[in-house]
N, C-alpha and C. Protein backbone atom coordinates (compact mmCIF):
# COMPACT_ATOMS: atom_id res chain seq x y z
N MET A 1 0.82 -1.20 0.00
CA MET A 1 0.00 0.00 0.00
C MET A 1 0.87 1.27 0.00
N ASN A 2 0.33 2.35 -0.50
CA ASN A 2 1.01 3.64 -0.54
C ASN A 2 0.87 4.32 0.80
N SER A 3 2.00 4.48 1.50
CA SER A 3 1.93 5.07 2.85
C SER A 3 1.41 6.49 2.82
N ASP A 4 1.53 7.18 1.68
CA ASP A 4 1.01 8.54 1.58
C ASP A 4 -0.50 8.58 1.69
N ARG A 5 -1.14 7.42 1.50
CA ARG A 5 -2.61 7.37 1.57
C ARG A 5 -3.09 6.63 2.82
N HIS A 6 -2.20 6.33 3.72
CA HIS A 6 -2.57 5.65 4.97
C HIS A 6 -3.45 6.57 5.81
N VAL A 7 -4.52 6.01 6.35
CA VAL A 7 -5.41 6.79 7.21
C VAL A 7 -5.67 6.03 8.51
N VAL A 8 -5.96 6.81 9.54
CA VAL A 8 -6.38 6.27 10.83
C VAL A 8 -7.86 6.59 11.00
N LEU A 9 -8.66 5.58 11.26
CA LEU A 9 -10.09 5.77 11.49
C LEU A 9 -10.36 5.71 12.99
N TYR A 10 -10.87 6.80 13.53
CA TYR A 10 -11.34 6.82 14.90
C TYR A 10 -12.75 6.25 14.87
N HIS A 11 -12.89 5.10 15.49
CA HIS A 11 -14.02 4.23 15.19
C HIS A 11 -14.65 3.69 16.46
N ALA A 12 -15.96 3.56 16.42
CA ALA A 12 -16.71 2.90 17.48
C ALA A 12 -17.71 1.97 16.83
N ILE A 13 -17.78 0.75 17.33
CA ILE A 13 -18.75 -0.19 16.78
C ILE A 13 -20.16 0.30 17.08
N ASN A 14 -21.10 -0.12 16.23
CA ASN A 14 -22.50 0.28 16.39
C ASN A 14 -22.66 1.79 16.38
N SER A 15 -21.94 2.43 15.50
CA SER A 15 -22.04 3.88 15.38
C SER A 15 -21.94 4.25 13.90
N ARG A 16 -22.00 5.55 13.63
CA ARG A 16 -21.93 6.01 12.24
C ARG A 16 -20.60 5.65 11.58
N SER A 17 -19.57 5.43 12.38
CA SER A 17 -18.28 5.12 11.78
C SER A 17 -18.22 3.72 11.18
N ALA A 18 -19.22 2.88 11.46
CA ALA A 18 -19.25 1.55 10.84
C ALA A 18 -19.31 1.66 9.33
N GLY A 19 -20.03 2.65 8.84
CA GLY A 19 -20.11 2.85 7.41
C GLY A 19 -18.78 3.25 6.80
N VAL A 20 -18.00 4.03 7.54
CA VAL A 20 -16.69 4.44 7.04
C VAL A 20 -15.76 3.23 6.96
N ARG A 21 -15.84 2.36 7.95
CA ARG A 21 -15.03 1.14 7.87
C ARG A 21 -15.43 0.33 6.64
N ALA A 22 -16.71 0.25 6.37
CA ALA A 22 -17.18 -0.46 5.18
C ALA A 22 -16.64 0.19 3.91
N LEU A 23 -16.64 1.52 3.88
CA LEU A 23 -16.11 2.23 2.71
C LEU A 23 -14.61 1.94 2.55
N LEU A 24 -13.87 1.94 3.64
CA LEU A 24 -12.44 1.64 3.57
C LEU A 24 -12.19 0.25 3.00
N GLU A 25 -13.05 -0.69 3.36
CA GLU A 25 -12.93 -2.03 2.79
C GLU A 25 -13.27 -2.03 1.31
N GLU A 26 -14.30 -1.29 0.92
CA GLU A 26 -14.65 -1.18 -0.50
C GLU A 26 -13.49 -0.58 -1.31
N LEU A 27 -12.78 0.35 -0.70
CA LEU A 27 -11.69 1.04 -1.38
C LEU A 27 -10.39 0.23 -1.36
N ASN A 28 -10.39 -0.86 -0.60
CA ASN A 28 -9.15 -1.62 -0.38
C ASN A 28 -8.07 -0.68 0.12
N ALA A 29 -8.44 0.15 1.08
CA ALA A 29 -7.58 1.23 1.56
C ALA A 29 -6.53 0.73 2.56
N ASP A 30 -5.49 1.50 2.68
CA ASP A 30 -4.45 1.28 3.69
C ASP A 30 -4.89 2.06 4.94
N TYR A 31 -5.39 1.34 5.93
CA TYR A 31 -5.92 2.04 7.11
C TYR A 31 -5.69 1.24 8.37
N GLU A 32 -5.78 1.95 9.47
CA GLU A 32 -5.76 1.32 10.78
C GLU A 32 -6.90 1.89 11.62
N ILE A 33 -7.28 1.13 12.61
CA ILE A 33 -8.40 1.52 13.47
C ILE A 33 -7.87 2.03 14.81
N HIS A 34 -8.40 3.15 15.24
CA HIS A 34 -8.21 3.62 16.61
C HIS A 34 -9.57 3.52 17.29
N PRO A 35 -9.81 2.44 18.04
CA PRO A 35 -11.15 2.25 18.61
C PRO A 35 -11.44 3.20 19.76
N LEU A 36 -12.68 3.61 19.84
CA LEU A 36 -13.18 4.43 20.94
C LEU A 36 -14.37 3.73 21.57
N ASN A 37 -14.43 3.74 22.87
CA ASN A 37 -15.52 3.09 23.60
C ASN A 37 -16.59 4.14 23.92
N LEU A 38 -17.66 4.15 23.15
CA LEU A 38 -18.70 5.15 23.35
C LEU A 38 -19.44 4.99 24.67
N PRO A 39 -19.80 3.76 25.09
CA PRO A 39 -20.52 3.63 26.36
C PRO A 39 -19.75 4.19 27.55
N SER A 40 -18.43 4.14 27.50
CA SER A 40 -17.63 4.67 28.60
C SER A 40 -17.37 6.17 28.45
N GLY A 41 -17.80 6.74 27.32
CA GLY A 41 -17.61 8.17 27.09
C GLY A 41 -16.21 8.56 26.67
N GLU A 42 -15.46 7.60 26.13
CA GLU A 42 -14.07 7.88 25.74
C GLU A 42 -13.97 8.98 24.70
N GLN A 43 -14.99 9.09 23.86
CA GLN A 43 -14.97 10.10 22.80
C GLN A 43 -15.12 11.51 23.35
N ARG A 44 -15.51 11.62 24.61
CA ARG A 44 -15.69 12.93 25.25
C ARG A 44 -14.55 13.26 26.20
N GLN A 45 -13.47 12.55 26.07
CA GLN A 45 -12.33 12.74 26.97
C GLN A 45 -11.08 13.11 26.17
N ARG A 46 -10.09 13.65 26.89
CA ARG A 46 -8.78 13.84 26.29
C ARG A 46 -8.15 12.46 26.14
N PRO A 47 -7.34 12.20 25.13
CA PRO A 47 -6.82 13.17 24.15
C PRO A 47 -7.67 13.32 22.89
N TYR A 48 -8.78 12.54 22.79
CA TYR A 48 -9.55 12.60 21.54
C TYR A 48 -10.13 14.00 21.31
N LEU A 49 -10.55 14.66 22.38
CA LEU A 49 -11.12 16.00 22.20
C LEU A 49 -10.08 16.98 21.69
N ASN A 50 -8.81 16.70 21.92
CA ASN A 50 -7.77 17.57 21.36
C ASN A 50 -7.74 17.47 19.84
N LEU A 51 -8.12 16.30 19.33
CA LEU A 51 -8.16 16.09 17.89
C LEU A 51 -9.49 16.53 17.29
N ASN A 52 -10.57 16.19 17.95
CA ASN A 52 -11.91 16.49 17.46
C ASN A 52 -12.74 17.05 18.61
N PRO A 53 -12.78 18.37 18.75
CA PRO A 53 -13.49 18.98 19.88
C PRO A 53 -14.97 18.62 19.96
N MET A 54 -15.57 18.18 18.84
CA MET A 54 -16.97 17.79 18.87
C MET A 54 -17.17 16.44 19.54
N GLY A 55 -16.10 15.66 19.67
CA GLY A 55 -16.20 14.37 20.34
C GLY A 55 -17.09 13.38 19.62
N LYS A 56 -17.04 13.40 18.28
CA LYS A 56 -17.90 12.52 17.49
C LYS A 56 -17.06 11.56 16.67
N VAL A 57 -17.69 10.49 16.26
CA VAL A 57 -17.14 9.61 15.22
C VAL A 57 -18.18 9.55 14.10
N PRO A 58 -17.73 9.32 12.86
CA PRO A 58 -16.37 8.99 12.44
C PRO A 58 -15.48 10.22 12.33
N ALA A 59 -14.18 9.95 12.41
CA ALA A 59 -13.17 10.94 12.10
C ALA A 59 -11.97 10.16 11.56
N ILE A 60 -11.25 10.78 10.64
CA ILE A 60 -10.06 10.14 10.10
C ILE A 60 -8.89 11.10 10.19
N LEU A 61 -7.71 10.53 10.33
CA LEU A 61 -6.47 11.30 10.35
C LEU A 61 -5.63 10.87 9.16
N HIS A 62 -5.26 11.86 8.34
CA HIS A 62 -4.45 11.57 7.15
C HIS A 62 -3.33 12.59 7.07
N GLN A 63 -2.12 12.11 7.17
CA GLN A 63 -0.94 12.98 7.09
C GLN A 63 -1.06 14.19 8.01
N GLY A 64 -1.52 13.96 9.22
CA GLY A 64 -1.60 15.02 10.21
C GLY A 64 -2.84 15.87 10.16
N THR A 65 -3.71 15.64 9.17
CA THR A 65 -4.94 16.41 9.04
C THR A 65 -6.13 15.58 9.49
N MET A 66 -6.92 16.13 10.39
CA MET A 66 -8.12 15.47 10.87
C MET A 66 -9.30 15.86 9.99
N VAL A 67 -10.04 14.86 9.54
CA VAL A 67 -11.24 15.09 8.74
C VAL A 67 -12.42 14.54 9.53
N THR A 68 -13.42 15.37 9.76
CA THR A 68 -14.62 14.96 10.49
C THR A 68 -15.85 15.24 9.62
N GLU A 69 -17.00 14.84 10.13
CA GLU A 69 -18.31 14.98 9.49
C GLU A 69 -18.45 13.92 8.41
N GLN A 70 -19.55 13.18 8.51
CA GLN A 70 -19.74 12.01 7.65
C GLN A 70 -19.49 12.27 6.17
N ALA A 71 -20.19 13.23 5.62
CA ALA A 71 -20.08 13.46 4.18
C ALA A 71 -18.66 13.80 3.79
N ALA A 72 -18.00 14.64 4.59
CA ALA A 72 -16.62 15.03 4.28
C ALA A 72 -15.70 13.82 4.32
N VAL A 73 -15.87 12.96 5.32
CA VAL A 73 -15.02 11.77 5.45
C VAL A 73 -15.20 10.85 4.24
N TYR A 74 -16.45 10.59 3.87
CA TYR A 74 -16.72 9.71 2.73
C TYR A 74 -16.14 10.28 1.45
N MET A 75 -16.37 11.55 1.20
CA MET A 75 -15.90 12.14 -0.04
C MET A 75 -14.38 12.19 -0.08
N PHE A 76 -13.77 12.52 1.05
CA PHE A 76 -12.31 12.56 1.12
C PHE A 76 -11.71 11.20 0.79
N LEU A 77 -12.23 10.17 1.43
CA LEU A 77 -11.68 8.83 1.22
C LEU A 77 -11.89 8.34 -0.20
N ALA A 78 -13.08 8.55 -0.73
CA ALA A 78 -13.37 8.07 -2.08
C ALA A 78 -12.46 8.73 -3.10
N GLU A 79 -12.09 9.98 -2.86
CA GLU A 79 -11.21 10.68 -3.80
C GLU A 79 -9.73 10.40 -3.50
N LEU A 80 -9.43 9.95 -2.29
CA LEU A 80 -8.06 9.55 -1.97
C LEU A 80 -7.69 8.26 -2.70
N TYR A 81 -8.71 7.45 -3.00
CA TYR A 81 -8.51 6.18 -3.72
C TYR A 81 -9.35 6.18 -5.01
N PRO A 82 -9.00 7.04 -5.96
CA PRO A 82 -9.84 7.19 -7.17
C PRO A 82 -9.92 5.94 -8.02
N GLU A 83 -8.90 5.06 -7.90
CA GLU A 83 -8.91 3.86 -8.73
C GLU A 83 -10.08 2.93 -8.41
N ALA A 84 -10.67 3.10 -7.24
CA ALA A 84 -11.83 2.28 -6.87
C ALA A 84 -13.09 2.71 -7.62
N GLY A 85 -13.09 3.92 -8.15
CA GLY A 85 -14.22 4.39 -8.94
C GLY A 85 -15.47 4.70 -8.15
N LEU A 86 -15.33 5.01 -6.87
CA LEU A 86 -16.52 5.24 -6.04
C LEU A 86 -16.91 6.71 -5.92
N ALA A 87 -16.18 7.58 -6.61
CA ALA A 87 -16.51 9.01 -6.60
C ALA A 87 -16.41 9.55 -8.01
N PRO A 88 -17.53 9.93 -8.64
CA PRO A 88 -17.45 10.53 -9.97
C PRO A 88 -16.54 11.75 -9.95
N ALA A 89 -15.63 11.82 -10.89
CA ALA A 89 -14.66 12.90 -10.94
C ALA A 89 -15.28 14.18 -11.48
N ILE A 90 -14.57 15.28 -11.27
CA ILE A 90 -15.00 16.55 -11.86
C ILE A 90 -15.09 16.37 -13.38
N GLY A 91 -16.21 16.79 -13.93
CA GLY A 91 -16.46 16.61 -15.35
C GLY A 91 -17.33 15.42 -15.67
N ASP A 92 -17.45 14.50 -14.72
CA ASP A 92 -18.34 13.35 -14.88
C ASP A 92 -19.79 13.82 -14.75
N MET A 93 -20.65 13.35 -15.61
CA MET A 93 -22.05 13.78 -15.59
C MET A 93 -22.76 13.41 -14.28
N LEU A 94 -22.23 12.42 -13.56
CA LEU A 94 -22.85 12.00 -12.30
C LEU A 94 -22.31 12.75 -11.09
N ARG A 95 -21.34 13.62 -11.31
CA ARG A 95 -20.69 14.32 -10.18
C ARG A 95 -21.69 15.12 -9.35
N GLY A 96 -22.55 15.86 -10.00
CA GLY A 96 -23.50 16.70 -9.28
C GLY A 96 -24.46 15.88 -8.43
N ALA A 97 -25.00 14.81 -9.02
CA ALA A 97 -25.92 13.95 -8.26
C ALA A 97 -25.20 13.30 -7.09
N TYR A 98 -23.97 12.89 -7.31
CA TYR A 98 -23.19 12.27 -6.24
C TYR A 98 -23.02 13.22 -5.06
N LEU A 99 -22.59 14.45 -5.34
CA LEU A 99 -22.41 15.42 -4.27
C LEU A 99 -23.73 15.73 -3.59
N ARG A 100 -24.78 15.83 -4.37
CA ARG A 100 -26.10 16.12 -3.80
C ARG A 100 -26.49 15.07 -2.76
N TRP A 101 -26.36 13.78 -3.12
CA TRP A 101 -26.84 12.74 -2.23
C TRP A 101 -25.88 12.48 -1.07
N MET A 102 -24.62 12.78 -1.26
CA MET A 102 -23.71 12.70 -0.12
C MET A 102 -24.10 13.71 0.95
N VAL A 103 -24.43 14.92 0.53
CA VAL A 103 -24.72 15.99 1.48
C VAL A 103 -26.16 15.93 1.98
N PHE A 104 -27.07 15.46 1.14
CA PHE A 104 -28.49 15.40 1.52
C PHE A 104 -28.68 14.56 2.78
N TYR A 105 -27.90 13.51 2.92
CA TYR A 105 -28.08 12.63 4.08
C TYR A 105 -27.95 13.41 5.39
N GLY A 106 -26.87 14.14 5.55
CA GLY A 106 -26.66 14.85 6.81
C GLY A 106 -27.43 16.15 6.93
N SER A 107 -27.70 16.80 5.81
CA SER A 107 -28.34 18.12 5.88
C SER A 107 -29.86 18.03 5.95
N CYS A 108 -30.44 16.96 5.40
CA CYS A 108 -31.90 16.84 5.36
C CYS A 108 -32.41 15.57 6.03
N PHE A 109 -31.86 14.42 5.63
CA PHE A 109 -32.41 13.14 6.09
C PHE A 109 -32.26 12.96 7.60
N GLU A 110 -31.04 13.07 8.10
CA GLU A 110 -30.84 12.84 9.53
C GLU A 110 -31.62 13.83 10.40
N PRO A 111 -31.59 15.13 10.12
CA PRO A 111 -32.39 16.05 10.94
C PRO A 111 -33.88 15.69 10.95
N ALA A 112 -34.39 15.27 9.80
CA ALA A 112 -35.81 14.89 9.73
C ALA A 112 -36.09 13.65 10.55
N VAL A 113 -35.21 12.66 10.46
CA VAL A 113 -35.40 11.42 11.22
C VAL A 113 -35.29 11.68 12.71
N VAL A 114 -34.35 12.51 13.12
CA VAL A 114 -34.21 12.83 14.55
C VAL A 114 -35.46 13.54 15.06
N ASP A 115 -35.94 14.52 14.33
CA ASP A 115 -37.16 15.22 14.76
C ASP A 115 -38.32 14.24 14.88
N ARG A 116 -38.45 13.37 13.90
CA ARG A 116 -39.56 12.40 13.91
C ARG A 116 -39.42 11.43 15.09
N SER A 117 -38.21 10.97 15.35
CA SER A 117 -38.02 10.02 16.45
C SER A 117 -38.27 10.66 17.80
N MET A 118 -38.00 11.97 17.91
CA MET A 118 -38.23 12.70 19.16
C MET A 118 -39.64 13.27 19.24
N LYS A 119 -40.44 12.98 18.21
CA LYS A 119 -41.82 13.47 18.13
C LYS A 119 -41.88 15.00 18.19
N ARG A 120 -40.93 15.61 17.49
CA ARG A 120 -40.89 17.06 17.42
C ARG A 120 -41.39 17.52 16.06
N ASP A 121 -42.15 18.58 16.05
CA ASP A 121 -42.54 19.18 14.78
C ASP A 121 -41.33 19.86 14.15
N PRO A 122 -41.25 19.83 12.81
CA PRO A 122 -40.14 20.55 12.18
C PRO A 122 -40.28 22.04 12.38
N ALA A 123 -39.20 22.75 12.19
CA ALA A 123 -39.26 24.21 12.21
C ALA A 123 -40.11 24.68 11.04
N PRO A 124 -40.55 25.93 11.05
CA PRO A 124 -41.30 26.46 9.90
C PRO A 124 -40.52 26.23 8.61
N PRO A 125 -41.25 26.01 7.49
CA PRO A 125 -40.56 25.71 6.22
C PRO A 125 -39.46 26.69 5.85
N SER A 126 -39.62 27.95 6.25
CA SER A 126 -38.61 28.95 5.87
C SER A 126 -37.29 28.76 6.61
N THR A 127 -37.31 27.99 7.71
CA THR A 127 -36.09 27.80 8.49
C THR A 127 -35.70 26.34 8.64
N SER A 128 -36.60 25.40 8.32
CA SER A 128 -36.28 23.98 8.46
C SER A 128 -35.30 23.55 7.38
N PRO A 129 -34.25 22.77 7.74
CA PRO A 129 -33.30 22.33 6.71
C PRO A 129 -33.89 21.30 5.75
N TYR A 130 -35.02 20.70 6.12
CA TYR A 130 -35.59 19.65 5.28
C TYR A 130 -37.03 19.90 4.88
N GLY A 131 -37.62 21.00 5.28
CA GLY A 131 -39.01 21.28 4.95
C GLY A 131 -39.95 20.48 5.84
N ASP A 132 -40.44 19.35 5.33
CA ASP A 132 -41.27 18.46 6.13
C ASP A 132 -40.84 17.02 5.84
N PHE A 133 -41.15 16.12 6.76
CA PHE A 133 -40.65 14.75 6.66
C PHE A 133 -41.13 14.06 5.39
N ASP A 134 -42.39 14.15 5.08
CA ASP A 134 -42.93 13.42 3.93
C ASP A 134 -42.27 13.85 2.63
N THR A 135 -42.08 15.14 2.46
CA THR A 135 -41.43 15.62 1.23
C THR A 135 -40.00 15.10 1.16
N MET A 136 -39.28 15.18 2.27
CA MET A 136 -37.91 14.68 2.31
C MET A 136 -37.87 13.19 1.99
N PHE A 137 -38.73 12.42 2.64
CA PHE A 137 -38.71 10.96 2.48
C PHE A 137 -39.10 10.56 1.07
N ASN A 138 -40.10 11.23 0.50
CA ASN A 138 -40.50 10.92 -0.88
C ASN A 138 -39.39 11.26 -1.88
N THR A 139 -38.62 12.30 -1.58
CA THR A 139 -37.50 12.66 -2.44
C THR A 139 -36.47 11.53 -2.48
N VAL A 140 -36.22 10.92 -1.32
CA VAL A 140 -35.26 9.81 -1.25
C VAL A 140 -35.81 8.58 -1.98
N THR A 141 -37.05 8.24 -1.73
CA THR A 141 -37.60 7.02 -2.35
C THR A 141 -37.70 7.18 -3.87
N GLN A 142 -38.01 8.37 -4.33
CA GLN A 142 -38.05 8.59 -5.78
C GLN A 142 -36.68 8.38 -6.41
N GLN A 143 -35.64 8.77 -5.69
CA GLN A 143 -34.30 8.54 -6.22
C GLN A 143 -33.97 7.05 -6.24
N LEU A 144 -34.35 6.34 -5.19
CA LEU A 144 -34.07 4.90 -5.13
C LEU A 144 -34.84 4.13 -6.21
N GLU A 145 -35.97 4.64 -6.61
CA GLU A 145 -36.74 3.98 -7.67
C GLU A 145 -35.98 3.95 -8.98
N ARG A 146 -35.02 4.84 -9.14
CA ARG A 146 -34.23 4.88 -10.36
C ARG A 146 -33.12 3.84 -10.34
N GLY A 147 -32.89 3.19 -9.24
CA GLY A 147 -31.90 2.20 -8.89
C GLY A 147 -31.20 1.51 -10.04
N PRO A 148 -30.41 0.51 -9.68
CA PRO A 148 -30.36 -0.14 -8.37
C PRO A 148 -29.59 0.63 -7.30
N TRP A 149 -28.85 1.69 -7.70
CA TRP A 149 -28.06 2.47 -6.76
C TRP A 149 -28.53 3.91 -6.74
N MET A 150 -27.96 4.70 -5.84
CA MET A 150 -28.37 6.09 -5.74
C MET A 150 -28.11 6.86 -7.03
N LEU A 151 -27.07 6.45 -7.75
CA LEU A 151 -26.74 7.11 -9.02
C LEU A 151 -27.20 6.31 -10.22
N GLY A 152 -28.20 5.46 -10.01
CA GLY A 152 -28.70 4.64 -11.10
C GLY A 152 -27.92 3.36 -11.21
N GLU A 153 -27.23 3.17 -12.32
CA GLU A 153 -26.49 1.93 -12.56
C GLU A 153 -25.11 1.92 -11.91
N ARG A 154 -24.68 3.05 -11.39
CA ARG A 154 -23.31 3.14 -10.86
C ARG A 154 -23.30 3.10 -9.33
N PHE A 155 -22.57 2.15 -8.78
CA PHE A 155 -22.36 2.07 -7.34
C PHE A 155 -21.30 3.10 -6.95
N SER A 156 -21.54 3.77 -5.82
CA SER A 156 -20.61 4.81 -5.38
C SER A 156 -20.52 4.84 -3.86
N ALA A 157 -19.65 5.70 -3.37
CA ALA A 157 -19.52 5.88 -1.93
C ALA A 157 -20.84 6.31 -1.31
N ALA A 158 -21.69 6.97 -2.07
CA ALA A 158 -22.99 7.38 -1.55
C ALA A 158 -23.82 6.17 -1.13
N ASP A 159 -23.66 5.06 -1.84
CA ASP A 159 -24.42 3.86 -1.49
C ASP A 159 -23.93 3.23 -0.20
N VAL A 160 -22.64 3.34 0.08
CA VAL A 160 -22.14 2.85 1.36
C VAL A 160 -22.75 3.67 2.49
N LEU A 161 -22.74 4.99 2.32
CA LEU A 161 -23.34 5.86 3.33
C LEU A 161 -24.81 5.55 3.53
N TRP A 162 -25.59 5.58 2.45
CA TRP A 162 -27.03 5.41 2.56
C TRP A 162 -27.42 3.98 2.94
N GLY A 163 -26.76 3.00 2.35
CA GLY A 163 -27.12 1.62 2.64
C GLY A 163 -26.88 1.25 4.09
N MET A 164 -25.72 1.61 4.61
CA MET A 164 -25.40 1.29 6.00
C MET A 164 -26.30 2.07 6.95
N ALA A 165 -26.54 3.32 6.65
CA ALA A 165 -27.38 4.13 7.53
C ALA A 165 -28.83 3.66 7.51
N LEU A 166 -29.36 3.39 6.34
CA LEU A 166 -30.74 2.92 6.26
C LEU A 166 -30.91 1.57 6.93
N ASN A 167 -29.91 0.73 6.85
CA ASN A 167 -29.98 -0.56 7.54
C ASN A 167 -30.13 -0.35 9.04
N TRP A 168 -29.38 0.55 9.59
CA TRP A 168 -29.45 0.85 11.02
C TRP A 168 -30.79 1.49 11.39
N ILE A 169 -31.19 2.46 10.60
CA ILE A 169 -32.40 3.22 10.92
C ILE A 169 -33.65 2.35 10.83
N THR A 170 -33.70 1.45 9.84
CA THR A 170 -34.88 0.59 9.73
C THR A 170 -34.96 -0.42 10.87
N MET A 171 -33.83 -0.78 11.46
CA MET A 171 -33.85 -1.69 12.61
C MET A 171 -34.64 -1.09 13.77
N PHE A 172 -34.64 0.23 13.86
CA PHE A 172 -35.32 0.92 14.95
C PHE A 172 -36.65 1.53 14.52
N ASP A 173 -37.12 1.14 13.33
CA ASP A 173 -38.42 1.60 12.82
C ASP A 173 -38.54 3.12 12.83
N LEU A 174 -37.47 3.80 12.44
CA LEU A 174 -37.48 5.26 12.47
C LEU A 174 -37.97 5.87 11.17
N ILE A 175 -38.14 5.04 10.14
CA ILE A 175 -38.72 5.50 8.88
C ILE A 175 -39.75 4.47 8.44
N PRO A 176 -40.69 4.88 7.60
CA PRO A 176 -41.69 3.92 7.11
C PRO A 176 -41.02 2.76 6.38
N LYS A 177 -41.51 1.55 6.61
CA LYS A 177 -40.94 0.38 5.96
C LYS A 177 -41.48 0.28 4.54
N ARG A 178 -40.57 0.20 3.59
CA ARG A 178 -40.93 0.07 2.19
C ARG A 178 -40.11 -1.05 1.57
N PRO A 179 -40.72 -1.93 0.79
CA PRO A 179 -39.94 -2.98 0.11
C PRO A 179 -38.79 -2.40 -0.72
N LEU A 180 -39.01 -1.25 -1.32
CA LEU A 180 -37.99 -0.60 -2.12
C LEU A 180 -36.73 -0.33 -1.29
N ILE A 181 -36.93 0.17 -0.08
CA ILE A 181 -35.80 0.50 0.79
C ILE A 181 -35.11 -0.76 1.27
N GLN A 182 -35.87 -1.77 1.65
CA GLN A 182 -35.26 -3.01 2.12
C GLN A 182 -34.47 -3.70 1.02
N ALA A 183 -34.98 -3.66 -0.19
CA ALA A 183 -34.25 -4.26 -1.32
C ALA A 183 -32.93 -3.54 -1.56
N TYR A 184 -32.95 -2.23 -1.42
CA TYR A 184 -31.73 -1.44 -1.57
C TYR A 184 -30.72 -1.79 -0.47
N ILE A 185 -31.20 -1.84 0.76
CA ILE A 185 -30.33 -2.21 1.88
C ILE A 185 -29.69 -3.57 1.63
N ASP A 186 -30.50 -4.52 1.20
CA ASP A 186 -30.00 -5.88 0.96
C ASP A 186 -28.90 -5.89 -0.09
N ARG A 187 -29.06 -5.10 -1.14
CA ARG A 187 -28.03 -5.05 -2.18
C ARG A 187 -26.71 -4.53 -1.62
N VAL A 188 -26.81 -3.55 -0.75
CA VAL A 188 -25.59 -2.97 -0.18
C VAL A 188 -24.92 -3.92 0.80
N ILE A 189 -25.66 -4.44 1.75
CA ILE A 189 -25.03 -5.24 2.82
C ILE A 189 -24.57 -6.61 2.35
N GLU A 190 -24.99 -7.03 1.16
CA GLU A 190 -24.53 -8.30 0.62
C GLU A 190 -23.22 -8.18 -0.13
N ARG A 191 -22.72 -6.98 -0.29
CA ARG A 191 -21.45 -6.80 -0.98
C ARG A 191 -20.32 -7.39 -0.13
N PRO A 192 -19.36 -8.06 -0.76
CA PRO A 192 -18.28 -8.72 0.00
C PRO A 192 -17.53 -7.77 0.94
N ALA A 193 -17.24 -6.56 0.48
CA ALA A 193 -16.49 -5.63 1.32
C ALA A 193 -17.29 -5.22 2.55
N ILE A 194 -18.60 -5.07 2.37
CA ILE A 194 -19.45 -4.70 3.51
C ILE A 194 -19.47 -5.85 4.52
N LYS A 195 -19.56 -7.07 4.01
CA LYS A 195 -19.54 -8.22 4.90
C LYS A 195 -18.22 -8.31 5.66
N ARG A 196 -17.12 -7.99 4.99
CA ARG A 196 -15.82 -8.00 5.68
C ARG A 196 -15.80 -6.99 6.82
N ALA A 197 -16.31 -5.81 6.56
CA ALA A 197 -16.32 -4.77 7.58
C ALA A 197 -17.17 -5.19 8.78
N VAL A 198 -18.31 -5.79 8.51
CA VAL A 198 -19.18 -6.25 9.61
C VAL A 198 -18.48 -7.33 10.43
N ALA A 199 -17.78 -8.24 9.74
CA ALA A 199 -17.07 -9.30 10.44
C ALA A 199 -15.93 -8.73 11.28
N LEU A 200 -15.22 -7.74 10.75
CA LEU A 200 -14.14 -7.11 11.51
C LEU A 200 -14.66 -6.41 12.74
N ASP A 201 -15.83 -5.78 12.62
CA ASP A 201 -16.42 -5.13 13.79
C ASP A 201 -16.87 -6.15 14.83
N ALA A 202 -17.34 -7.30 14.36
CA ALA A 202 -17.73 -8.35 15.29
C ALA A 202 -16.50 -8.85 16.07
N GLU A 203 -15.37 -8.96 15.38
CA GLU A 203 -14.14 -9.35 16.05
C GLU A 203 -13.72 -8.30 17.07
N LEU A 204 -13.86 -7.03 16.69
CA LEU A 204 -13.51 -5.95 17.61
C LEU A 204 -14.40 -5.95 18.85
N ALA A 205 -15.68 -6.22 18.64
CA ALA A 205 -16.61 -6.26 19.77
C ALA A 205 -16.30 -7.38 20.73
N ALA A 206 -15.71 -8.46 20.21
CA ALA A 206 -15.42 -9.62 21.04
C ALA A 206 -14.14 -9.48 21.85
N THR A 207 -13.36 -8.46 21.56
CA THR A 207 -12.08 -8.30 22.26
C THR A 207 -12.27 -7.56 23.59
């Protein structure tokens, strides 16, 4: 592996960083894991807070630079390993859709799901990042109908993000159950690299 592309993943099992580990496996990346114990609150203690004051995972360290926030981490990694083909390059007709769906997850989908799970009404449309839940959710399902992947026929890092996240969210019944969504999840989690990542996390949990 190219040491210039070596990354450290600050990782906790059963968290959002599981998807990043899956992406690293898809990329056949040169990486190491720095595990954090969320139940013990390790992510809220020094020295991790010195690296990431928000105390969240996922986060990656590459050549002394810390990258946080899900969409940024996914996009950074996919472009660090362009040979994997998981990020449409500048000039690619799919680039715009790819960036849209990478960012839509954190800017619209997650806030809507959190509000719904907490039984909170959204903010007024003029200030809500997602408008209303039904509009947001229908926007996602309409995109999935174009499948089999978020970008149609092309699998990308966006599918690792969405597939892993939707798998987790549907386990807790936080969104309406749709055969379309379950079929999409199944396609993602059956990929060999995703299975490897899940198995590695199971090993980590057993230690």
